[in-house]
Amino acid sequence: RSLSSQHPYLEKLIGEPYVVSVDMTNAEEVRTALRKIVASPGLKPFVPYEFTAEGFLERVGVYIQQQNFCDGINLAEEKPASASSTLTGHSPREAVDGRLDQ
């Protein structure tokens, strides 16, 4: 797959003047783009909805709603809690002090 820019989504759906794509190996194209950006007064900061906290949570919510986390689980075959065991790991202090190697 070939990408047209570092962030094709922004390039295609947001576009100029907020997104400018240039060939970084073409110095004249970079200079022209920078002149154009500097000559664009009055641009207000812009964050697409998808990149806001609310937009992110909406995408995560839709993603989770489309999942089936119970598929293939037969609750009748699940082991009782008494069949589980607890393992105790090393304390964080032992890891920091380097005692895990001993």
PDB file of N, CA and C in Angstrom:
ATOM      1  N   ARG A   1       0.850  -1.168   0.000  1.00  0.00           N
ATOM      2  CA  ARG A   1       0.000   0.000   0.000  1.00  0.00           C
ATOM      3  C   ARG A   1       0.892   1.226   0.000  1.00  0.00           C
ATOM      4  N   SER A   2       0.511   2.194  -0.729  1.00  0.00           N
ATOM      5  CA  SER A   2       1.290   3.420  -0.848  1.00  0.00           C
ATOM      6  C   SER A   2       0.550   4.559  -0.156  1.00  0.00           C
ATOM      7  N   LEU A   3       1.240   5.277   0.679  1.00  0.00           N
ATOM      8  CA  LEU A   3       0.636   6.397   1.392  1.00  0.00           C
ATOM      9  C   LEU A   3       0.996   7.699   0.686  1.00  0.00           C
ATOM     10  N   SER A   4       0.049   8.612   0.656  1.00  0.00           N
ATOM     11  CA  SER A   4       0.285   9.895  -0.003  1.00  0.00           C
ATOM     12  C   SER A   4       0.911  10.921   0.937  1.00  0.00           C
ATOM     13  N   SER A   5       0.835  10.658   2.227  1.00  0.00           N
ATOM     14  CA  SER A   5       1.395  11.595   3.195  1.00  0.00           C
ATOM     15  C   SER A   5       1.591  10.881   4.524  1.00  0.00           C
ATOM     16  N   GLN A   6       2.075  11.650   5.500  1.00  0.00           N
ATOM     17  CA  GLN A   6       2.269  11.103   6.829  1.00  0.00           C
ATOM     18  C   GLN A   6       0.921  10.787   7.482  1.00  0.00           C
ATOM     19  N   HIS A   7      -0.106  11.541   7.105  1.00  0.00           N
ATOM     20  CA  HIS A   7      -1.436  11.332   7.674  1.00  0.00           C
ATOM     21  C   HIS A   7      -2.488  11.538   6.583  1.00  0.00           C
ATOM     22  N   PRO A   8      -2.730  10.505   5.762  1.00  0.00           N
ATOM     23  CA  PRO A   8      -3.662  10.634   4.638  1.00  0.00           C
ATOM     24  C   PRO A   8      -5.071  11.069   5.037  1.00  0.00           C
ATOM     25  N   TYR A   9      -5.532  10.651   6.211  1.00  0.00           N
ATOM     26  CA  TYR A   9      -6.874  11.036   6.661  1.00  0.00           C
ATOM     27  C   TYR A   9      -6.991  12.553   6.728  1.00  0.00           C
ATOM     28  N   LEU A  10      -6.052  13.183   7.401  1.00  0.00           N
ATOM     29  CA  LEU A  10      -6.098  14.640   7.521  1.00  0.00           C
ATOM     30  C   LEU A  10      -5.915  15.305   6.166  1.00  0.00           C
ATOM     31  N   GLU A  11      -5.024  14.773   5.362  1.00  0.00           N
ATOM     32  CA  GLU A  11      -4.758  15.349   4.041  1.00  0.00           C
ATOM     33  C   GLU A  11      -6.023  15.363   3.183  1.00  0.00           C
ATOM     34  N   LYS A  12      -6.769  14.261   3.187  1.00  0.00           N
ATOM     35  CA  LYS A  12      -7.936  14.148   2.316  1.00  0.00           C
ATOM     36  C   LYS A  12      -9.186  14.799   2.893  1.00  0.00           C
ATOM     37  N   LEU A  13      -9.439  14.633   4.190  1.00  0.00           N
ATOM     38  CA  LEU A  13     -10.704  15.096   4.753  1.00  0.00           C
ATOM     39  C   LEU A  13     -10.648  16.483   5.379  1.00  0.00           C
ATOM     40  N   ILE A  14      -9.477  16.940   5.780  1.00  0.00           N
ATOM     41  CA  ILE A  14      -9.359  18.279   6.369  1.00  0.00           C
ATOM     42  C   ILE A  14      -8.767  19.221   5.325  1.00  0.00           C
ATOM     43  N   GLY A  15      -7.592  18.885   4.834  1.00  0.00           N
ATOM     44  CA  GLY A  15      -6.978  19.656   3.752  1.00  0.00           C
ATOM     45  C   GLY A  15      -6.508  21.038   4.140  1.00  0.00           C
ATOM     46  N   GLU A  16      -6.149  21.780   3.107  1.00  0.00           N
ATOM     47  CA  GLU A  16      -5.638  23.139   3.326  1.00  0.00           C
ATOM     48  C   GLU A  16      -6.749  24.031   3.841  1.00  0.00           C
ATOM     49  N   PRO A  17      -6.451  24.993   4.632  1.00  0.00           N
ATOM     50  CA  PRO A  17      -5.128  25.484   5.019  1.00  0.00           C
ATOM     51  C   PRO A  17      -4.556  24.803   6.264  1.00  0.00           C
ATOM     52  N   TYR A  18      -5.295  23.846   6.834  1.00  0.00           N
ATOM     53  CA  TYR A  18      -4.837  23.203   8.064  1.00  0.00           C
ATOM     54  C   TYR A  18      -3.848  22.071   7.827  1.00  0.00           C
ATOM     55  N   VAL A  19      -3.868  21.487   6.652  1.00  0.00           N
ATOM     56  CA  VAL A  19      -2.964  20.391   6.327  1.00  0.00           C
ATOM     57  C   VAL A  19      -2.311  20.711   4.988  1.00  0.00           C
ATOM     58  N   VAL A  20      -1.000  20.745   4.994  1.00  0.00           N
ATOM     59  CA  VAL A  20      -0.249  21.008   3.766  1.00  0.00           C
ATOM     60  C   VAL A  20       0.721  19.860   3.573  1.00  0.00           C
ATOM     61  N   SER A  21       0.628  19.197   2.437  1.00  0.00           N
ATOM     62  CA  SER A  21       1.534  18.088   2.137  1.00  0.00           C
ATOM     63  C   SER A  21       2.515  18.527   1.066  1.00  0.00           C
ATOM     64  N   VAL A  22       3.779  18.271   1.309  1.00  0.00           N
ATOM     65  CA  VAL A  22       4.827  18.633   0.348  1.00  0.00           C
ATOM     66  C   VAL A  22       5.821  17.486   0.228  1.00  0.00           C
ATOM     67  N   ASP A  23       6.536  17.498  -0.877  1.00  0.00           N
ATOM     68  CA  ASP A  23       7.637  16.561  -1.079  1.00  0.00           C
ATOM     69  C   ASP A  23       8.846  17.156  -0.361  1.00  0.00           C
ATOM     70  N   MET A  24       9.238  16.551   0.744  1.00  0.00           N
ATOM     71  CA  MET A  24      10.322  17.104   1.570  1.00  0.00           C
ATOM     72  C   MET A  24      11.674  17.118   0.849  1.00  0.00           C
ATOM     73  N   THR A  25      11.798  16.388  -0.237  1.00  0.00           N
ATOM     74  CA  THR A  25      13.059  16.402  -0.994  1.00  0.00           C
ATOM     75  C   THR A  25      13.098  17.537  -2.008  1.00  0.00           C
ATOM     76  N   ASN A  26      11.989  18.255  -2.171  1.00  0.00           N
ATOM     77  CA  ASN A  26      11.907  19.364  -3.114  1.00  0.00           C
ATOM     78  C   ASN A  26      11.925  20.666  -2.316  1.00  0.00           C
ATOM     79  N   ALA A  27      13.095  21.271  -2.214  1.00  0.00           N
ATOM     80  CA  ALA A  27      13.277  22.469  -1.386  1.00  0.00           C
ATOM     81  C   ALA A  27      12.376  23.610  -1.830  1.00  0.00           C
ATOM     82  N   GLU A  28      12.187  23.785  -3.116  1.00  0.00           N
ATOM     83  CA  GLU A  28      11.344  24.880  -3.604  1.00  0.00           C
ATOM     84  C   GLU A  28       9.882  24.660  -3.208  1.00  0.00           C
ATOM     85  N   GLU A  29       9.421  23.438  -3.262  1.00  0.00           N
ATOM     86  CA  GLU A  29       8.044  23.126  -2.852  1.00  0.00           C
ATOM     87  C   GLU A  29       7.853  23.397  -1.359  1.00  0.00           C
ATOM     88  N   VAL A  30       8.866  23.070  -0.560  1.00  0.00           N
ATOM     89  CA  VAL A  30       8.800  23.330   0.884  1.00  0.00           C
ATOM     90  C   VAL A  30       8.756  24.830   1.133  1.00  0.00           C
ATOM     91  N   ARG A  31       9.621  25.595   0.450  1.00  0.00           N
ATOM     92  CA  ARG A  31       9.633  27.056   0.626  1.00  0.00           C
ATOM     93  C   ARG A  31       8.291  27.671   0.226  1.00  0.00           C
ATOM     94  N   THR A  32       7.742  27.222  -0.892  1.00  0.00           N
ATOM     95  CA  THR A  32       6.454  27.739  -1.361  1.00  0.00           C
ATOM     96  C   THR A  32       5.353  27.449  -0.341  1.00  0.00           C
ATOM     97  N   ALA A  33       5.343  26.250   0.197  1.00  0.00           N
ATOM     98  CA  ALA A  33       4.339  25.888   1.197  1.00  0.00           C
ATOM     99  C   ALA A  33       4.489  26.733   2.452  1.00  0.00           C
ATOM    100  N   LEU A  34       5.720  26.952   2.895  1.00  0.00           N
ATOM    101  CA  LEU A  34       5.944  27.774   4.092  1.00  0.00           C
ATOM    102  C   LEU A  34       5.500  29.212   3.868  1.00  0.00           C
ATOM    103  N   ARG A  35       5.794  29.767   2.689  1.00  0.00           N
ATOM    104  CA  ARG A  35       5.342  31.137   2.376  1.00  0.00           C
ATOM    105  C   ARG A  35       3.813  31.215   2.412  1.00  0.00           C
ATOM    106  N   LYS A  36       3.171  30.201   1.859  1.00  0.00           N
ATOM    107  CA  LYS A  36       1.710  30.166   1.829  1.00  0.00           C
ATOM    108  C   LYS A  36       1.138  30.088   3.239  1.00  0.00           C
ATOM    109  N   ILE A  37       1.760  29.293   4.091  1.00  0.00           N
ATOM    110  CA  ILE A  37       1.302  29.145   5.480  1.00  0.00           C
ATOM    111  C   ILE A  37       1.457  30.460   6.237  1.00  0.00           C
ATOM    112  N   VAL A  38       2.615  31.101   6.088  1.00  0.00           N
ATOM    113  CA  VAL A  38       2.876  32.364   6.786  1.00  0.00           C
ATOM    114  C   VAL A  38       1.923  33.458   6.297  1.00  0.00           C
ATOM    115  N   ALA A  39       1.546  33.399   5.022  1.00  0.00           N
ATOM    116  CA  ALA A  39       0.666  34.421   4.449  1.00  0.00           C
ATOM    117  C   ALA A  39      -0.808  34.141   4.720  1.00  0.00           C
ATOM    118  N   SER A  40      -1.121  33.174   5.554  1.00  0.00           N
ATOM    119  CA  SER A  40      -2.522  32.835   5.871  1.00  0.00           C
ATOM    120  C   SER A  40      -2.883  33.359   7.251  1.00  0.00           C
ATOM    121  N   PRO A  41      -3.117  34.675   7.376  1.00  0.00           N
ATOM    122  CA  PRO A  41      -3.439  35.231   8.696  1.00  0.00           C
ATOM    123  C   PRO A  41      -4.864  34.865   9.102  1.00  0.00           C
ATOM    124  N   GLY A  42      -5.084  34.889  10.380  1.00  0.00           N
ATOM    125  CA  GLY A  42      -6.431  34.697  10.897  1.00  0.00           C
ATOM    126  C   GLY A  42      -6.896  33.255  11.009  1.00  0.00           C
ATOM    127  N   LEU A  43      -6.015  32.315  10.795  1.00  0.00           N
ATOM    128  CA  LEU A  43      -6.421  30.919  10.965  1.00  0.00           C
ATOM    129  C   LEU A  43      -6.590  30.630  12.446  1.00  0.00           C
ATOM    130  N   LYS A  44      -7.729  30.100  12.783  1.00  0.00           N
ATOM    131  CA  LYS A  44      -7.983  29.734  14.177  1.00  0.00           C
ATOM    132  C   LYS A  44      -7.605  28.270  14.385  1.00  0.00           C
ATOM    133  N   PRO A  45      -7.162  27.932  15.590  1.00  0.00           N
ATOM    134  CA  PRO A  45      -6.838  26.524  15.871  1.00  0.00           C
ATOM    135  C   PRO A  45      -8.043  25.639  15.563  1.00  0.00           C
ATOM    136  N   PHE A  46      -7.764  24.465  15.043  1.00  0.00           N
ATOM    137  CA  PHE A  46      -8.826  23.556  14.633  1.00  0.00           C
ATOM    138  C   PHE A  46      -8.434  22.135  14.990  1.00  0.00           C
ATOM    139  N   VAL A  47      -9.313  21.436  15.708  1.00  0.00           N
ATOM    140  CA  VAL A  47      -9.111  20.025  16.022  1.00  0.00           C
ATOM    141  C   VAL A  47     -10.336  19.287  15.509  1.00  0.00           C
ATOM    142  N   PRO A  48     -10.147  18.352  14.569  1.00  0.00           N
ATOM    143  CA  PRO A  48     -11.302  17.592  14.076  1.00  0.00           C
ATOM    144  C   PRO A  48     -11.990  16.857  15.220  1.00  0.00           C
ATOM    145  N   TYR A  49     -13.304  16.734  15.126  1.00  0.00           N
ATOM    146  CA  TYR A  49     -14.081  16.085  16.180  1.00  0.00           C
ATOM    147  C   TYR A  49     -13.513  14.719  16.547  1.00  0.00           C
ATOM    148  N   GLU A  50     -13.067  13.962  15.539  1.00  0.00           N
ATOM    149  CA  GLU A  50     -12.552  12.614  15.769  1.00  0.00           C
ATOM    150  C   GLU A  50     -11.335  12.599  16.699  1.00  0.00           C
ATOM    151  N   PHE A  51     -10.633  13.737  16.791  1.00  0.00           N
ATOM    152  CA  PHE A  51      -9.430  13.820  17.612  1.00  0.00           C
ATOM    153  C   PHE A  51      -9.675  14.471  18.968  1.00  0.00           C
ATOM    154  N   THR A  52     -10.920  14.804  19.270  1.00  0.00           N
ATOM    155  CA  THR A  52     -11.244  15.330  20.596  1.00  0.00           C
ATOM    156  C   THR A  52     -11.477  14.149  21.543  1.00  0.00           C
ATOM    157  N   ALA A  53     -11.495  14.418  22.821  1.00  0.00           N
ATOM    158  CA  ALA A  53     -11.751  13.357  23.807  1.00  0.00           C
ATOM    159  C   ALA A  53     -13.127  12.738  23.562  1.00  0.00           C
ATOM    160  N   GLU A  54     -14.115  13.569  23.282  1.00  0.00           N
ATOM    161  CA  GLU A  54     -15.470  13.056  23.041  1.00  0.00           C
ATOM    162  C   GLU A  54     -15.510  12.176  21.790  1.00  0.00           C
ATOM    163  N   GLY A  55     -14.840  12.607  20.735  1.00  0.00           N
ATOM    164  CA  GLY A  55     -14.800  11.822  19.511  1.00  0.00           C
ATOM    165  C   GLY A  55     -14.096  10.490  19.711  1.00  0.00           C
ATOM    166  N   PHE A  56     -13.014  10.520  20.486  1.00  0.00           N
ATOM    167  CA  PHE A  56     -12.283   9.286  20.789  1.00  0.00           C
ATOM    168  C   PHE A  56     -13.167   8.307  21.547  1.00  0.00           C
ATOM    169  N   LEU A  57     -13.845   8.801  22.589  1.00  0.00           N
ATOM    170  CA  LEU A  57     -14.715   7.936  23.382  1.00  0.00           C
ATOM    171  C   LEU A  57     -15.868   7.389  22.543  1.00  0.00           C
ATOM    172  N   GLU A  58     -16.362   8.189  21.622  1.00  0.00           N
ATOM    173  CA  GLU A  58     -17.422   7.705  20.736  1.00  0.00           C
ATOM    174  C   GLU A  58     -16.919   6.560  19.865  1.00  0.00           C
ATOM    175  N   ARG A  59     -15.710   6.705  19.307  1.00  0.00           N
ATOM    176  CA  ARG A  59     -15.143   5.637  18.469  1.00  0.00           C
ATOM    177  C   ARG A  59     -14.913   4.374  19.279  1.00  0.00           C
ATOM    178  N   VAL A  60     -14.395   4.520  20.489  1.00  0.00           N
ATOM    179  CA  VAL A  60     -14.154   3.358  21.343  1.00  0.00           C
ATOM    180  C   VAL A  60     -15.480   2.688  21.696  1.00  0.00           C
ATOM    181  N   GLY A  61     -16.503   3.488  22.021  1.00  0.00           N
ATOM    182  CA  GLY A  61     -17.811   2.941  22.352  1.00  0.00           C
ATOM    183  C   GLY A  61     -18.406   2.147  21.203  1.00  0.00           C
ATOM    184  N   VAL A  62     -18.325   2.682  20.003  1.00  0.00           N
ATOM    185  CA  VAL A  62     -18.853   1.968  18.835  1.00  0.00           C
ATOM    186  C   VAL A  62     -18.070   0.687  18.620  1.00  0.00           C
ATOM    187  N   TYR A  63     -16.769   0.751  18.765  1.00  0.00           N
ATOM    188  CA  TYR A  63     -15.924  -0.429  18.582  1.00  0.00           C
ATOM    189  C   TYR A  63     -16.304  -1.531  19.581  1.00  0.00           C
ATOM    190  N   ILE A  64     -16.454  -1.156  20.838  1.00  0.00           N
ATOM    191  CA  ILE A  64     -16.784  -2.142  21.880  1.00  0.00           C
ATOM    192  C   ILE A  64     -18.188  -2.714  21.669  1.00  0.00           C
ATOM    193  N   GLN A  65     -19.127  -1.881  21.257  1.00  0.00           N
ATOM    194  CA  GLN A  65     -20.493  -2.360  21.028  1.00  0.00           C
ATOM    195  C   GLN A  65     -20.553  -3.383  19.906  1.00  0.00           C
ATOM    196  N   GLN A  66     -19.612  -3.337  18.998  1.00  0.00           N
ATOM    197  CA  GLN A  66     -19.611  -4.265  17.865  1.00  0.00           C
ATOM    198  C   GLN A  66     -18.919  -5.592  18.204  1.00  0.00           C
ATOM    199  N   GLN A  67     -18.345  -5.696  19.376  1.00  0.00           N
ATOM    200  CA  GLN A  67     -17.634  -6.906  19.772  1.00  0.00           C
ATOM    201  C   GLN A  67     -18.569  -7.878  20.469  1.00  0.00           C
ATOM    202  N   ASN A  68     -18.261  -9.156  20.346  1.00  0.00           N
ATOM    203  CA  ASN A  68     -19.008 -10.182  21.062  1.00  0.00           C
ATOM    204  C   ASN A  68     -17.996 -10.914  21.939  1.00  0.00           C
ATOM    205  N   PHE A  69     -17.872 -10.465  23.165  1.00  0.00           N
ATOM    206  CA  PHE A  69     -16.860 -11.006  24.065  1.00  0.00           C
ATOM    207  C   PHE A  69     -17.258 -12.366  24.647  1.00  0.00           C
ATOM    208  N   CYS A  70     -18.494 -12.786  24.462  1.00  0.00           N
ATOM    209  CA  CYS A  70     -18.969 -14.032  25.052  1.00  0.00           C
ATOM    210  C   CYS A  70     -19.056 -15.170  24.050  1.00  0.00           C
ATOM    211  N   ASP A  71     -18.755 -14.912  22.804  1.00  0.00           N
ATOM    212  CA  ASP A  71     -18.862 -15.946  21.780  1.00  0.00           C
ATOM    213  C   ASP A  71     -17.957 -17.131  22.113  1.00  0.00           C
ATOM    214  N   GLY A  72     -18.492 -18.311  22.078  1.00  0.00           N
ATOM    215  CA  GLY A  72     -17.697 -19.515  22.305  1.00  0.00           C
ATOM    216  C   GLY A  72     -17.494 -19.867  23.762  1.00  0.00           C
ATOM    217  N   ILE A  73     -18.043 -19.096  24.677  1.00  0.00           N
ATOM    218  CA  ILE A  73     -17.882 -19.395  26.097  1.00  0.00           C
ATOM    219  C   ILE A  73     -19.122 -20.151  26.579  1.00  0.00           C
ATOM    220  N   ASN A  74     -18.886 -21.315  27.134  1.00  0.00           N
ATOM    221  CA  ASN A  74     -19.976 -22.103  27.700  1.00  0.00           C
ATOM    222  C   ASN A  74     -19.859 -21.969  29.216  1.00  0.00           C
ATOM    223  N   LEU A  75     -20.727 -21.163  29.804  1.00  0.00           N
ATOM    224  CA  LEU A  75     -20.632 -20.889  31.237  1.00  0.00           C
ATOM    225  C   LEU A  75     -20.827 -22.139  32.086  1.00  0.00           C
ATOM    226  N   ALA A  76     -21.517 -23.132  31.563  1.00  0.00           N
ATOM    227  CA  ALA A  76     -21.729 -24.375  32.318  1.00  0.00           C
ATOM    228  C   ALA A  76     -20.413 -25.132  32.491  1.00  0.00           C
ATOM    229  N   GLU A  77     -19.463 -24.925  31.588  1.00  0.00           N
ATOM    230  CA  GLU A  77     -18.183 -25.634  31.652  1.00  0.00           C
ATOM    231  C   GLU A  77     -17.111 -24.842  32.401  1.00  0.00           C
ATOM    232  N   GLU A  78     -17.423 -23.635  32.813  1.00  0.00           N
ATOM    233  CA  GLU A  78     -16.448 -22.825  33.526  1.00  0.00           C
ATOM    234  C   GLU A  78     -16.114 -23.454  34.870  1.00  0.00           C
ATOM    235  N   LYS A  79     -14.864 -23.334  35.283  1.00  0.00           N
ATOM    236  CA  LYS A  79     -14.442 -23.892  36.567  1.00  0.00           C
ATOM    237  C   LYS A  79     -14.932 -23.008  37.707  1.00  0.00           C
ATOM    238  N   PRO A  80     -15.206 -23.600  38.856  1.00  0.00           N
ATOM    239  CA  PRO A  80     -15.631 -22.794  40.011  1.00  0.00           C
ATOM    240  C   PRO A  80     -14.452 -21.955  40.523  1.00  0.00           C
ATOM    241  N   ALA A  81     -14.769 -20.890  41.226  1.00  0.00           N
ATOM    242  CA  ALA A  81     -13.728 -20.006  41.757  1.00  0.00           C
ATOM    243  C   ALA A  81     -12.764 -20.766  42.658  1.00  0.00           C
ATOM    244  N   SER A  82     -13.234 -21.820  43.351  1.00  0.00           N
ATOM    245  CA  SER A  82     -12.373 -22.586  44.254  1.00  0.00           C
ATOM    246  C   SER A  82     -11.282 -23.332  43.485  1.00  0.00           C
ATOM    247  N   ALA A  83     -11.448 -23.500  42.180  1.00  0.00           N
ATOM    248  CA  ALA A  83     -10.443 -24.202  41.376  1.00  0.00           C
ATOM    249  C   ALA A  83      -9.287 -23.284  40.987  1.00  0.00           C
ATOM    250  N   SER A  84      -9.408 -21.987  41.250  1.00  0.00           N
ATOM    251  CA  SER A  84      -8.336 -21.059  40.880  1.00  0.00           C
ATOM    252  C   SER A  84      -7.305 -20.973  41.995  1.00  0.00           C
ATOM    253  N   SER A  85      -6.135 -20.533  41.654  1.00  0.00           N
ATOM    254  CA  SER A  85      -5.077 -20.366  42.656  1.00  0.00           C
ATOM    255  C   SER A  85      -4.438 -19.002  42.474  1.00  0.00           C
ATOM    256  N   THR A  86      -3.776 -18.540  43.511  1.00  0.00           N
ATOM    257  CA  THR A  86      -3.127 -17.237  43.489  1.00  0.00           C
ATOM    258  C   THR A  86      -1.630 -17.437  43.539  1.00  0.00           C
ATOM    259  N   LEU A  87      -0.924 -16.743  42.664  1.00  0.00           N
ATOM    260  CA  LEU A  87       0.539 -16.765  42.671  1.00  0.00           C
ATOM    261  C   LEU A  87       1.026 -15.401  43.104  1.00  0.00           C
ATOM    262  N   THR A  88       2.008 -15.371  43.982  1.00  0.00           N
ATOM    263  CA  THR A  88       2.559 -14.110  44.449  1.00  0.00           C
ATOM    264  C   THR A  88       3.853 -13.831  43.703  1.00  0.00           C
ATOM    265  N   GLY A  89       3.916 -12.660  43.093  1.00  0.00           N
ATOM    266  CA  GLY A  89       5.115 -12.271  42.352  1.00  0.00           C
ATOM    267  C   GLY A  89       6.074 -11.509  43.246  1.00  0.00           C
ATOM    268  N   HIS A  90       7.130 -11.037  42.645  1.00  0.00           N
ATOM    269  CA  HIS A  90       8.109 -10.237  43.379  1.00  0.00           C
ATOM    270  C   HIS A  90       7.530  -8.866  43.683  1.00  0.00           C
ATOM    271  N   SER A  91       8.000  -8.269  44.748  1.00  0.00           N
ATOM    272  CA  SER A  91       7.532  -6.934  45.093  1.00  0.00           C
ATOM    273  C   SER A  91       8.214  -5.920  44.170  1.00  0.00           C
ATOM    274  N   PRO A  92       7.577  -4.782  43.934  1.00  0.00           N
ATOM    275  CA  PRO A  92       8.203  -3.750  43.104  1.00  0.00           C
ATOM    276  C   PRO A  92       9.555  -3.309  43.668  1.00  0.00           C
ATOM    277  N   ARG A  93       9.687  -3.298  45.003  1.00  0.00           N
ATOM    278  CA  ARG A  93      10.944  -2.879  45.621  1.00  0.00           C
ATOM    279  C   ARG A  93      12.074  -3.832  45.229  1.00  0.00           C
ATOM    280  N   GLU A  94      11.804  -5.133  45.182  1.00  0.00           N
ATOM    281  CA  GLU A  94      12.823  -6.105  44.783  1.00  0.00           C
ATOM    282  C   GLU A  94      13.276  -5.848  43.345  1.00  0.00           C
ATOM    283  N   ALA A  95      12.338  -5.501  42.493  1.00  0.00           N
ATOM    284  CA  ALA A  95      12.682  -5.227  41.098  1.00  0.00           C
ATOM    285  C   ALA A  95      13.549  -3.980  40.999  1.00  0.00           C
ATOM    286  N   VAL A  96      13.231  -2.934  41.768  1.00  0.00           N
ATOM    287  CA  VAL A  96      13.990  -1.685  41.735  1.00  0.00           C
ATOM    288  C   VAL A  96      15.374  -1.898  42.308  1.00  0.00           C
ATOM    289  N   ASP A  97      15.478  -2.655  43.385  1.00  0.00           N
ATOM    290  CA  ASP A  97      16.758  -2.871  44.028  1.00  0.00           C
ATOM    291  C   ASP A  97      17.633  -3.857  43.284  1.00  0.00           C
ATOM    292  N   GLY A  98      17.117  -4.523  42.299  1.00  0.00           N
ATOM    293  CA  GLY A  98      17.892  -5.472  41.523  1.00  0.00           C
ATOM    294  C   GLY A  98      18.032  -6.834  42.186  1.00  0.00           C
ATOM    295  N   ARG A  99      17.175  -7.136  43.134  1.00  0.00           N
ATOM    296  CA  ARG A  99      17.279  -8.418  43.846  1.00  0.00           C
ATOM    297  C   ARG A  99      16.665  -9.577  43.067  1.00  0.00           C
ATOM    298  N   LEU A 100      16.034  -9.291  41.919  1.00  0.00           N
ATOM    299  CA  LEU A 100      15.409 -10.369  41.158  1.00  0.00           C
ATOM    300  C   LEU A 100      16.442 -11.276  40.510  1.00  0.00           C
ATOM    301  N   ASP A 101      17.652 -10.752  40.303  1.00  0.00           N
ATOM    302  CA  ASP A 101      18.698 -11.526  39.652  1.00  0.00           C
ATOM    303  C   ASP A 101      19.350 -12.552  40.583  1.00  0.00           C
ATOM    304  N   GLN A 102      19.112 -12.407  41.855  1.00  0.00           N
ATOM    305  CA  GLN A 102      19.797 -13.268  42.829  1.00  0.00           C
ATOM    306  C   GLN A 102      19.120 -14.600  42.952  1.00  0.00           C
TER     307      GLN A 102
END
